[in-house]
Amino acid sequence: MSYTTINKCVHDPSFVARVDSCIAQEQRTREEKTFPDNISYSMRWAVATATDVEAAYASALAAENPDPGGDESVITDGMILSVVQNSWDVIVEPPPT
């Protein structure tokens, strides 16, 4: 794991657009039809720090892929969806304190 790789991924415009698209589609299946403004920021960090996503992004950088965040053969939609679904309740509706 590399913090540099994670940071590059989180700030990759293509990656951000894909995570946002996943959030928008996923929220349509939820009771709440809107989501907090900060969910995109929090969710992209959750996805980028997933072990498989970080490893795939690092590998693509090493291979000099020009668009690792937008390349669906690097980070699949399924990889993004899995993290978004597994993180949704924690990020969107954190447990009461």
C-alpha atoms as a PDB file:
ATOM      1  CA  MET A   1       0.000   0.000   0.000  1.00  0.00           C
ATOM      2  CA  SER A   2       1.221   3.466  -0.838  1.00  0.00           C
ATOM      3  CA  TYR A   3      -0.277   6.650   0.498  1.00  0.00           C
ATOM      4  CA  THR A   4       0.969   8.396  -2.636  1.00  0.00           C
ATOM      5  CA  THR A   5      -0.963   5.983  -4.822  1.00  0.00           C
ATOM      6  CA  ILE A   6      -4.112   6.406  -2.745  1.00  0.00           C
ATOM      7  CA  ASN A   7      -3.807  10.184  -2.942  1.00  0.00           C
ATOM      8  CA  LYS A   8      -3.324  10.111  -6.708  1.00  0.00           C
ATOM      9  CA  CYS A   9      -6.346   7.872  -7.088  1.00  0.00           C
ATOM     10  CA  VAL A  10      -8.593  10.050  -4.907  1.00  0.00           C
ATOM     11  CA  HIS A  11      -7.706  13.105  -6.974  1.00  0.00           C
ATOM     12  CA  ASP A  12      -7.998  11.375 -10.356  1.00  0.00           C
ATOM     13  CA  PRO A  13     -10.926  13.112 -12.136  1.00  0.00           C
ATOM     14  CA  SER A  14     -11.951   9.961 -14.003  1.00  0.00           C
ATOM     15  CA  PHE A  15     -11.970   7.926 -10.790  1.00  0.00           C
ATOM     16  CA  VAL A  16     -13.966  10.612  -8.963  1.00  0.00           C
ATOM     17  CA  ALA A  17     -16.542  10.717 -11.774  1.00  0.00           C
ATOM     18  CA  ARG A  18     -16.947   6.934 -11.662  1.00  0.00           C
ATOM     19  CA  VAL A  19     -17.396   6.880  -7.872  1.00  0.00           C
ATOM     20  CA  ASP A  20     -19.903   9.743  -8.091  1.00  0.00           C
ATOM     21  CA  SER A  21     -21.824   7.885 -10.803  1.00  0.00           C
ATOM     22  CA  CYS A  22     -21.939   4.797  -8.615  1.00  0.00           C
ATOM     23  CA  ILE A  23     -23.187   6.842  -5.652  1.00  0.00           C
ATOM     24  CA  ALA A  24     -25.905   8.452  -7.785  1.00  0.00           C
ATOM     25  CA  GLN A  25     -27.099   5.106  -9.089  1.00  0.00           C
ATOM     26  CA  GLU A  26     -26.905   3.405  -5.705  1.00  0.00           C
ATOM     27  CA  GLN A  27     -28.819   6.138  -3.888  1.00  0.00           C
ATOM     28  CA  ARG A  28     -31.773   5.529  -6.216  1.00  0.00           C
ATOM     29  CA  THR A  29     -32.170   2.080  -4.632  1.00  0.00           C
ATOM     30  CA  ARG A  30     -32.155   3.513  -1.103  1.00  0.00           C
ATOM     31  CA  GLU A  31     -34.970   5.046   0.877  1.00  0.00           C
ATOM     32  CA  GLU A  32     -33.237   8.400   1.012  1.00  0.00           C
ATOM     33  CA  LYS A  33     -33.314   9.983  -2.406  1.00  0.00           C
ATOM     34  CA  THR A  34     -30.651  12.560  -1.709  1.00  0.00           C
ATOM     35  CA  PHE A  35     -27.326  12.232  -0.010  1.00  0.00           C
ATOM     36  CA  PRO A  36     -25.110  14.592   1.966  1.00  0.00           C
ATOM     37  CA  ASP A  37     -22.748  16.786  -0.038  1.00  0.00           C
ATOM     38  CA  ASN A  38     -19.723  15.252   1.635  1.00  0.00           C
ATOM     39  CA  ILE A  39     -20.561  11.648   0.728  1.00  0.00           C
ATOM     40  CA  SER A  40     -18.596  11.857  -2.528  1.00  0.00           C
ATOM     41  CA  TYR A  41     -15.447  12.956  -0.753  1.00  0.00           C
ATOM     42  CA  SER A  42     -15.752  10.330   1.979  1.00  0.00           C
ATOM     43  CA  MET A  43     -16.747   7.563  -0.407  1.00  0.00           C
ATOM     44  CA  ARG A  44     -13.896   8.157  -2.843  1.00  0.00           C
ATOM     45  CA  TRP A  45     -11.438   7.747   0.041  1.00  0.00           C
ATOM     46  CA  ALA A  46     -13.157   4.525   1.082  1.00  0.00           C
ATOM     47  CA  VAL A  47     -12.951   3.146  -2.457  1.00  0.00           C
ATOM     48  CA  ALA A  48      -9.361   4.286  -3.069  1.00  0.00           C
ATOM     49  CA  THR A  49      -8.147   2.692   0.159  1.00  0.00           C
ATOM     50  CA  ALA A  50      -9.707  -0.691  -0.604  1.00  0.00           C
ATOM     51  CA  THR A  51      -6.822  -3.109  -0.989  1.00  0.00           C
ATOM     52  CA  ASP A  52      -7.813  -4.373  -4.427  1.00  0.00           C
ATOM     53  CA  VAL A  53      -8.470  -0.884  -5.787  1.00  0.00           C
ATOM     54  CA  GLU A  54      -5.199   0.525  -4.470  1.00  0.00           C
ATOM     55  CA  ALA A  55      -3.226  -2.430  -5.849  1.00  0.00           C
ATOM     56  CA  ALA A  56      -4.893  -2.133  -9.259  1.00  0.00           C
ATOM     57  CA  TYR A  57      -4.292   1.612  -9.414  1.00  0.00           C
ATOM     58  CA  ALA A  58      -0.644   1.194  -8.372  1.00  0.00           C
ATOM     59  CA  SER A  59      -0.131  -1.465 -11.017  1.00  0.00           C
ATOM     60  CA  ALA A  60      -1.661   0.776 -13.677  1.00  0.00           C
ATOM     61  CA  LEU A  61       0.590   3.660 -12.652  1.00  0.00           C
ATOM     62  CA  ALA A  62       3.637   1.399 -12.840  1.00  0.00           C
ATOM     63  CA  ALA A  63       2.532   0.326 -16.333  1.00  0.00           C
ATOM     64  CA  GLU A  64       2.184   4.014 -17.275  1.00  0.00           C
ATOM     65  CA  ASN A  65      -1.538   3.703 -17.995  1.00  0.00           C
ATOM     66  CA  PRO A  66      -2.600   7.224 -19.060  1.00  0.00           C
ATOM     67  CA  ASP A  67      -6.042   6.985 -17.395  1.00  0.00           C
ATOM     68  CA  PRO A  68      -5.981   4.425 -14.560  1.00  0.00           C
ATOM     69  CA  GLY A  69      -9.055   5.855 -12.843  1.00  0.00           C
ATOM     70  CA  GLY A  70     -11.137   5.768 -15.996  1.00  0.00           C
ATOM     71  CA  ASP A  71      -9.914   2.432 -17.313  1.00  0.00           C
ATOM     72  CA  GLU A  72     -12.532  -0.177 -16.422  1.00  0.00           C
ATOM     73  CA  SER A  73      -9.996  -2.952 -16.947  1.00  0.00           C
ATOM     74  CA  VAL A  74      -7.928  -1.488 -14.089  1.00  0.00           C
ATOM     75  CA  ILE A  75     -10.654  -0.713 -11.558  1.00  0.00           C
ATOM     76  CA  THR A  76     -13.889  -2.446 -12.445  1.00  0.00           C
ATOM     77  CA  ASP A  77     -17.334  -1.060 -11.785  1.00  0.00           C
ATOM     78  CA  GLY A  78     -17.868  -4.088  -9.558  1.00  0.00           C
ATOM     79  CA  MET A  79     -14.903  -3.125  -7.394  1.00  0.00           C
ATOM     80  CA  ILE A  80     -16.297   0.374  -6.935  1.00  0.00           C
ATOM     81  CA  LEU A  81     -19.845  -0.847  -6.323  1.00  0.00           C
ATOM     82  CA  SER A  82     -18.731  -3.362  -3.720  1.00  0.00           C
ATOM     83  CA  VAL A  83     -16.983  -0.724  -1.615  1.00  0.00           C
ATOM     84  CA  VAL A  84     -19.802   1.805  -2.039  1.00  0.00           C
ATOM     85  CA  GLN A  85     -22.422  -0.718  -0.940  1.00  0.00           C
ATOM     86  CA  ASN A  86     -20.340  -1.945   1.987  1.00  0.00           C
ATOM     87  CA  SER A  87     -19.523   1.608   3.118  1.00  0.00           C
ATOM     88  CA  TRP A  88     -22.915   3.225   2.538  1.00  0.00           C
ATOM     89  CA  ASP A  89     -24.417   2.850   5.998  1.00  0.00           C
ATOM     90  CA  VAL A  90     -21.241   3.939   7.745  1.00  0.00           C
ATOM     91  CA  ILE A  91     -20.695   7.019   5.569  1.00  0.00           C
ATOM     92  CA  VAL A  92     -24.255   8.119   4.829  1.00  0.00           C
ATOM     93  CA  GLU A  93     -25.831   7.204   8.143  1.00  0.00           C
ATOM     94  CA  PRO A  94     -23.129   6.773  10.759  1.00  0.00           C
ATOM     95  CA  PRO A  95     -24.144   4.906  13.895  1.00  0.00           C
ATOM     96  CA  PRO A  96     -25.434   7.084  16.723  1.00  0.00           C
ATOM     97  CA  THR A  97     -22.821   8.229  19.205  1.00  0.00           C
END
